[in-house]
Protein backbone atom coordinates (compact mmCIF):
# COMPACT_ATOMS: atom_id res chain seq x y z
CA MET A 1 80.54 62.45 129.88
CA GLY A 2 77.72 64.83 130.74
CA ASP A 3 76.35 68.12 129.48
CA CYS A 4 78.01 71.47 130.18
CA HIS A 5 75.07 72.95 132.11
CA ASN A 6 75.95 74.38 135.54
CA MET A 7 79.68 74.17 134.81
CA THR A 8 82.16 76.96 135.43
CA GLN A 9 83.91 78.43 132.39
CA THR A 10 87.10 76.54 133.28
CA GLU A 11 85.20 73.24 133.63
CA ALA A 12 83.41 73.77 130.29
CA THR A 13 86.73 74.54 128.57
CA CYS A 14 88.25 71.39 130.02
CA ARG A 15 85.30 69.41 128.71
CA VAL A 16 85.74 70.83 125.21
CA ASP A 17 89.42 69.85 125.33
CA GLU A 18 88.53 66.36 126.54
CA VAL A 19 85.88 65.71 123.88
CA LEU A 20 87.93 67.10 120.98
CA THR A 21 91.07 65.23 122.02
CA GLU A 22 89.19 61.93 122.14
CA ALA A 23 87.46 62.68 118.83
CA CYS A 24 90.81 63.38 117.19
CA ASP A 25 92.45 60.29 118.69
CA ARG A 26 89.60 58.19 117.28
CA ASN A 27 89.75 59.89 113.86
CA THR A 28 86.04 60.47 114.42
CA ALA A 29 83.61 60.87 111.54
CA VAL A 30 81.66 64.15 111.59
CA GLU A 31 78.59 65.41 109.78
CA LEU A 32 78.81 69.02 108.64
CA HIS A 33 75.69 71.13 108.04
CA VAL A 34 77.07 74.07 106.07
CA HIS A 35 74.88 77.16 105.77
CA MET A 36 75.51 78.47 102.26
CA ARG A 37 75.17 82.09 101.22
CA GLY A 38 71.68 82.60 99.84
CA GLY A 39 70.01 80.30 102.36
CA GLY A 40 70.89 76.81 101.13
CA LEU A 41 72.16 74.01 103.35
CA VAL A 42 74.77 71.44 102.33
CA VAL A 43 75.30 68.25 104.34
CA ALA A 44 78.75 66.67 104.06
CA LYS A 45 80.78 63.95 105.78
CA SER A 46 84.35 64.28 106.97
CA ARG A 47 86.76 63.19 109.73
CA ILE A 48 88.76 64.99 112.39
CA VAL A 49 92.45 64.44 111.66
CA LYS A 50 94.15 67.08 113.82
CA ILE A 51 93.41 69.82 116.38
CA ASP A 52 95.26 72.76 117.90
CA ASP A 53 94.38 75.68 120.18
CA GLN A 54 92.66 77.62 117.38
CA GLN A 55 91.30 75.17 114.80
CA LEU A 56 90.09 71.70 113.91
CA TYR A 57 91.58 70.12 110.80
CA LEU A 58 89.23 67.92 108.78
CA ASP A 59 89.72 65.52 105.90
CA LYS A 60 88.34 66.54 102.49
CA PRO A 61 84.52 66.50 102.91
CA GLU A 62 82.18 64.46 100.74
CA ALA A 63 78.50 65.02 99.93
CA THR A 64 76.53 62.31 98.16
CA GLY A 65 75.73 63.47 94.62
CA GLN A 66 76.34 67.14 95.38
CA LYS A 67 79.10 69.47 94.25
CA LEU A 68 80.79 71.17 97.18
CA ASN A 69 81.59 74.83 96.60
CA LEU A 70 82.67 75.79 100.10
CA GLN A 71 84.02 79.22 100.93
CA ASP A 72 85.88 80.67 103.89
CA GLY A 73 83.67 82.29 106.50
CA LEU A 74 80.61 80.05 106.07
CA PRO A 75 78.87 79.08 109.34
CA LEU A 76 78.35 75.40 109.98
CA ASP A 77 76.98 72.95 112.53
CA VAL A 78 79.12 69.94 113.42
CA HIS A 79 77.57 66.64 114.61
CA PHE A 80 79.48 63.56 115.74
CA ALA A 81 79.36 60.62 118.13
CA ILE A 82 81.82 59.06 120.53
CA ARG A 83 80.76 55.62 121.66
CA ARG A 84 77.00 56.09 122.23
CA GLU A 85 77.03 59.78 123.06
CA ARG A 86 76.11 62.46 120.54
CA PHE A 87 77.82 65.84 120.33
CA PHE A 88 77.09 69.08 118.51
CA PHE A 89 78.73 72.49 118.17
CA LYS A 90 78.60 75.56 115.96
CA SER A 91 81.67 76.78 114.11
CA THR A 92 82.94 78.74 111.10
CA LEU A 93 84.85 77.53 108.06
CA THR A 94 88.27 79.19 108.25
CA ASP A 95 90.03 77.59 105.26
CA ALA A 96 88.07 75.69 102.60
CA ARG A 97 91.24 74.33 100.97
CA ALA A 98 93.80 73.78 103.68
CA HIS A 99 97.09 71.92 103.23
CA ILE A 100 97.28 69.79 106.37
CA ASN A 101 100.43 68.12 107.68
CA VAL A 102 98.96 65.07 109.41
CA ASN A 103 102.50 63.97 110.32
CA GLU A 104 105.98 64.40 108.88
CA HIS A 105 105.25 61.85 106.14
CA ASN A 106 101.62 62.58 105.31
CA LYS A 107 100.12 65.78 103.90
CA ILE A 108 96.49 66.06 102.75
CA ILE A 109 94.15 68.71 101.38
CA GLY A 110 91.16 69.26 103.64
CA LEU A 111 89.59 72.15 105.50
CA THR A 112 89.87 73.92 108.83
CA ILE A 113 87.12 75.17 111.13
CA ALA A 114 87.27 77.37 114.23
CA ARG A 115 87.72 75.54 117.51
CA PRO A 116 84.47 75.76 119.53
CA THR A 117 84.25 77.27 122.99
CA ALA A 118 81.30 75.03 123.93
CA ILE A 119 80.00 71.60 122.93
CA LYS A 120 76.50 70.30 123.58
CA SER A 121 75.88 66.65 124.27
CA GLY A 122 72.95 64.30 124.62
CA GLN A 123 72.29 60.58 124.67
CA ARG A 124 69.60 60.90 121.95
CA ARG A 125 69.59 63.30 119.03
CA ASN A 126 67.00 63.12 116.27
CA ASP A 127 69.28 65.04 113.90
CA PHE A 128 72.12 62.49 113.81
CA ARG A 129 71.86 60.82 110.42
CA VAL A 130 73.20 57.65 108.88
CA GLU A 131 73.95 57.29 105.18
CA LEU A 132 72.50 54.40 103.21
CA ALA A 133 74.92 54.46 100.26
CA ASN A 134 76.11 50.87 100.77
CA MET A 135 72.68 49.40 101.40
CA ARG A 136 69.99 48.08 99.13
CA ARG A 137 68.08 50.97 97.58
CA ILE A 138 65.03 52.14 99.53
CA ASP A 139 62.32 53.90 97.50
CA VAL A 140 60.10 56.52 99.10
CA LEU A 141 56.63 57.26 97.72
CA LEU A 142 55.39 60.80 98.41
CA HIS A 143 52.22 62.71 97.74
CA ASP A 144 50.98 66.18 98.58
CA ALA A 145 49.02 66.62 101.80
CA ALA A 146 46.70 69.40 102.89
CA THR A 147 48.37 71.86 105.27
CA VAL A 148 45.47 72.24 107.71
CA LYS A 149 43.92 68.75 107.63
CA PRO A 150 46.47 66.33 106.14
CA ASP A 151 44.05 63.39 106.14
CA LEU A 152 41.80 65.20 103.63
CA CYS A 153 43.65 63.99 100.55
CA PRO A 154 42.15 65.10 97.20
CA LEU A 155 41.76 62.53 94.45
CA ASP A 156 43.98 64.55 92.09
CA THR A 157 46.87 64.83 94.57
CA LYS A 158 50.33 64.86 93.00
CA ARG A 159 52.36 61.72 93.60
CA PHE A 160 56.08 61.22 93.03
CA SER A 161 58.87 58.86 94.03
CA ALA A 162 62.33 59.39 95.49
CA GLU A 163 65.38 57.46 96.72
CA LEU A 164 66.25 57.50 100.41
CA ILE A 165 69.82 58.84 100.83
CA ASP A 166 70.17 59.18 104.59
CA VAL A 167 67.91 59.00 107.59
CA SER A 168 67.62 59.97 111.24
CA ALA A 169 64.93 59.53 113.88
CA GLY A 170 63.79 63.06 113.03
CA GLY A 171 63.93 63.24 109.26
CA LEU A 172 64.98 61.96 105.85
CA ARG A 173 67.07 63.14 102.94
CA VAL A 174 65.86 61.95 99.55
CA LYS A 175 66.97 62.22 95.93
CA VAL A 176 64.20 63.23 93.52
CA ASP A 177 64.47 63.28 89.73
CA ARG A 178 63.39 66.71 88.52
CA SER A 179 61.15 64.95 86.01
CA GLU A 180 59.21 63.66 89.05
CA ARG A 181 59.02 67.01 90.87
CA ASP A 182 60.92 70.16 90.01
CA GLU A 183 60.15 72.62 92.84
CA PHE A 184 59.86 72.51 96.61
CA HIS A 185 58.61 75.13 99.06
CA ALA A 186 58.77 75.50 102.84
CA THR A 187 54.96 75.47 102.97
CA ASP A 188 54.71 72.05 101.22
CA ARG A 189 53.47 69.06 103.18
CA PHE A 190 53.82 65.46 102.01
CA PHE A 191 53.01 61.97 103.16
CA ALA A 192 56.11 59.77 102.81
CA LEU A 193 55.75 55.99 102.66
CA PHE A 194 58.72 53.59 102.65
CA PRO A 195 59.72 50.11 103.89
CA LEU A 196 62.17 49.51 106.73
CA PRO A 197 64.49 46.58 105.89
CA ASP A 198 64.16 43.59 108.25
CA ASP A 199 60.89 45.03 109.59
CA LEU A 200 58.13 42.74 108.33
CA ARG A 201 55.30 45.04 109.36
CA THR A 202 53.59 47.50 107.01
CA ASP A 203 55.53 50.35 105.44
CA ALA A 204 56.24 53.33 107.67
CA VAL A 205 54.17 56.42 106.85
CA PHE A 206 55.09 59.94 107.98
CA LEU A 207 53.82 63.44 107.41
CA VAL A 208 56.88 65.52 106.41
CA LYS A 209 57.86 69.01 105.33
CA PRO A 210 60.88 70.14 103.27
CA VAL A 211 63.46 72.12 105.26
CA HIS A 212 66.24 72.39 102.70
CA TRP A 213 66.85 71.37 99.09
CA SER A 214 69.56 71.73 96.45
CA ALA A 215 70.16 70.56 92.89
CA SER A 216 72.67 67.90 91.83
CA GLU A 217 75.76 68.95 89.90
CA ASP A 218 74.12 68.18 86.53
CA ARG A 219 70.82 69.81 87.68
CA SER A 220 68.85 66.64 86.85
CA GLN A 221 67.95 65.83 90.47
CA ASN A 222 67.05 67.53 93.73
CA PHE A 223 68.36 66.52 97.16
CA VAL A 224 65.64 67.32 99.67
CA GLY A 225 65.79 67.29 103.46
CA LEU A 226 62.43 66.32 104.99
CA GLN A 227 61.53 66.86 108.63
CA LEU A 228 59.03 64.53 110.32
CA ILE A 229 55.84 66.17 111.62
CA PRO A 230 54.18 64.57 114.70
CA TRP A 231 50.84 63.56 113.17
CA PRO A 232 48.78 61.64 114.11
CA GLU A 233 50.32 61.38 117.57
CA VAL A 234 49.87 57.67 118.36
CA GLU A 235 50.78 56.34 114.92
CA PHE A 236 53.65 58.82 114.60
CA ALA A 237 55.20 57.71 117.90
CA ARG A 238 54.95 54.05 116.86
CA ASN A 239 56.54 54.64 113.45
CA GLN A 240 59.25 56.89 114.88
CA ARG A 241 60.27 54.15 117.32
CA ARG A 242 60.55 51.77 114.36
CA LEU A 243 62.64 54.32 112.48
CA ALA A 244 64.89 54.94 115.51
CA ARG A 245 65.55 51.19 115.81
CA PHE A 246 66.47 51.05 112.12
CA VAL A 247 68.86 54.02 112.51
CA ALA A 248 70.46 52.46 115.61
CA LYS A 249 71.00 49.19 113.74
CA ILE A 250 72.75 50.97 110.86
CA GLU A 251 74.90 52.91 113.34
CA ARG A 252 76.02 49.66 114.98
CA GLN A 253 76.91 48.20 111.58
CA LEU A 254 78.92 51.31 110.67
CA ALA A 255 80.71 51.27 114.05
CA LYS A 256 81.75 47.63 113.53
CA PHE A 257 82.96 48.43 110.00
CA ARG A 258 85.01 51.42 111.22
CA ALA A 259 86.49 49.38 114.06
CA ALA A 260 87.50 46.62 111.62
CA THR A 261 89.09 49.03 109.12
CA ASN A 262 91.03 50.86 111.87
CA GLN A 263 92.66 47.70 113.19
């Protein structure tokens, strides 16, 4: 499978059909980035259970620790993988509570999204995340960093801790008790320090910035998406390679688990 660049419209349409058909046949897991009204972003997991000429039918989505209040018409980004290739497309939520006839004996409640006219692909995608819910807890230590010169860290800098929820080669999502830190802003910069399991070297350290955040259902915690910032260049590249290897290892473990459960 290759990208859709330099294809005719007919060839691109055929490729969309090919990718979606295989994704449906594999009951592929997808990651949904839903753009909420008011500017928030909700990340949820689901699976493709059925497709037709107009829509994709997805299983009921789940978001770790977050209440999903999805509404028809919301735009969303869809990320998924088939074998080792990553795919991405933009869509719109058409029915947030759809009654789906999977077959004549099985009906579920899920959601439907508009069928895309184009799908982007790539062998490497920093945005593809893996969840860590079934792994040993990984704690992340964070402290404020200066925006202009991050290495100039004042002695009274604010420090707080968080739990790593999911991770990609390009960013993290963490859970922060509001007693640790209540507010986040797009202009914030933090240093994030955390261990990588099975990596006996020093903890990985990254400069990060918050790109989205939302409160838990009981309002006691914040879920914060943090994007990695390339600084300093040499150390960043080294740590990002370590992080990418960790993500790839978790993906392989998840693929083996899915293959075993689908047998």
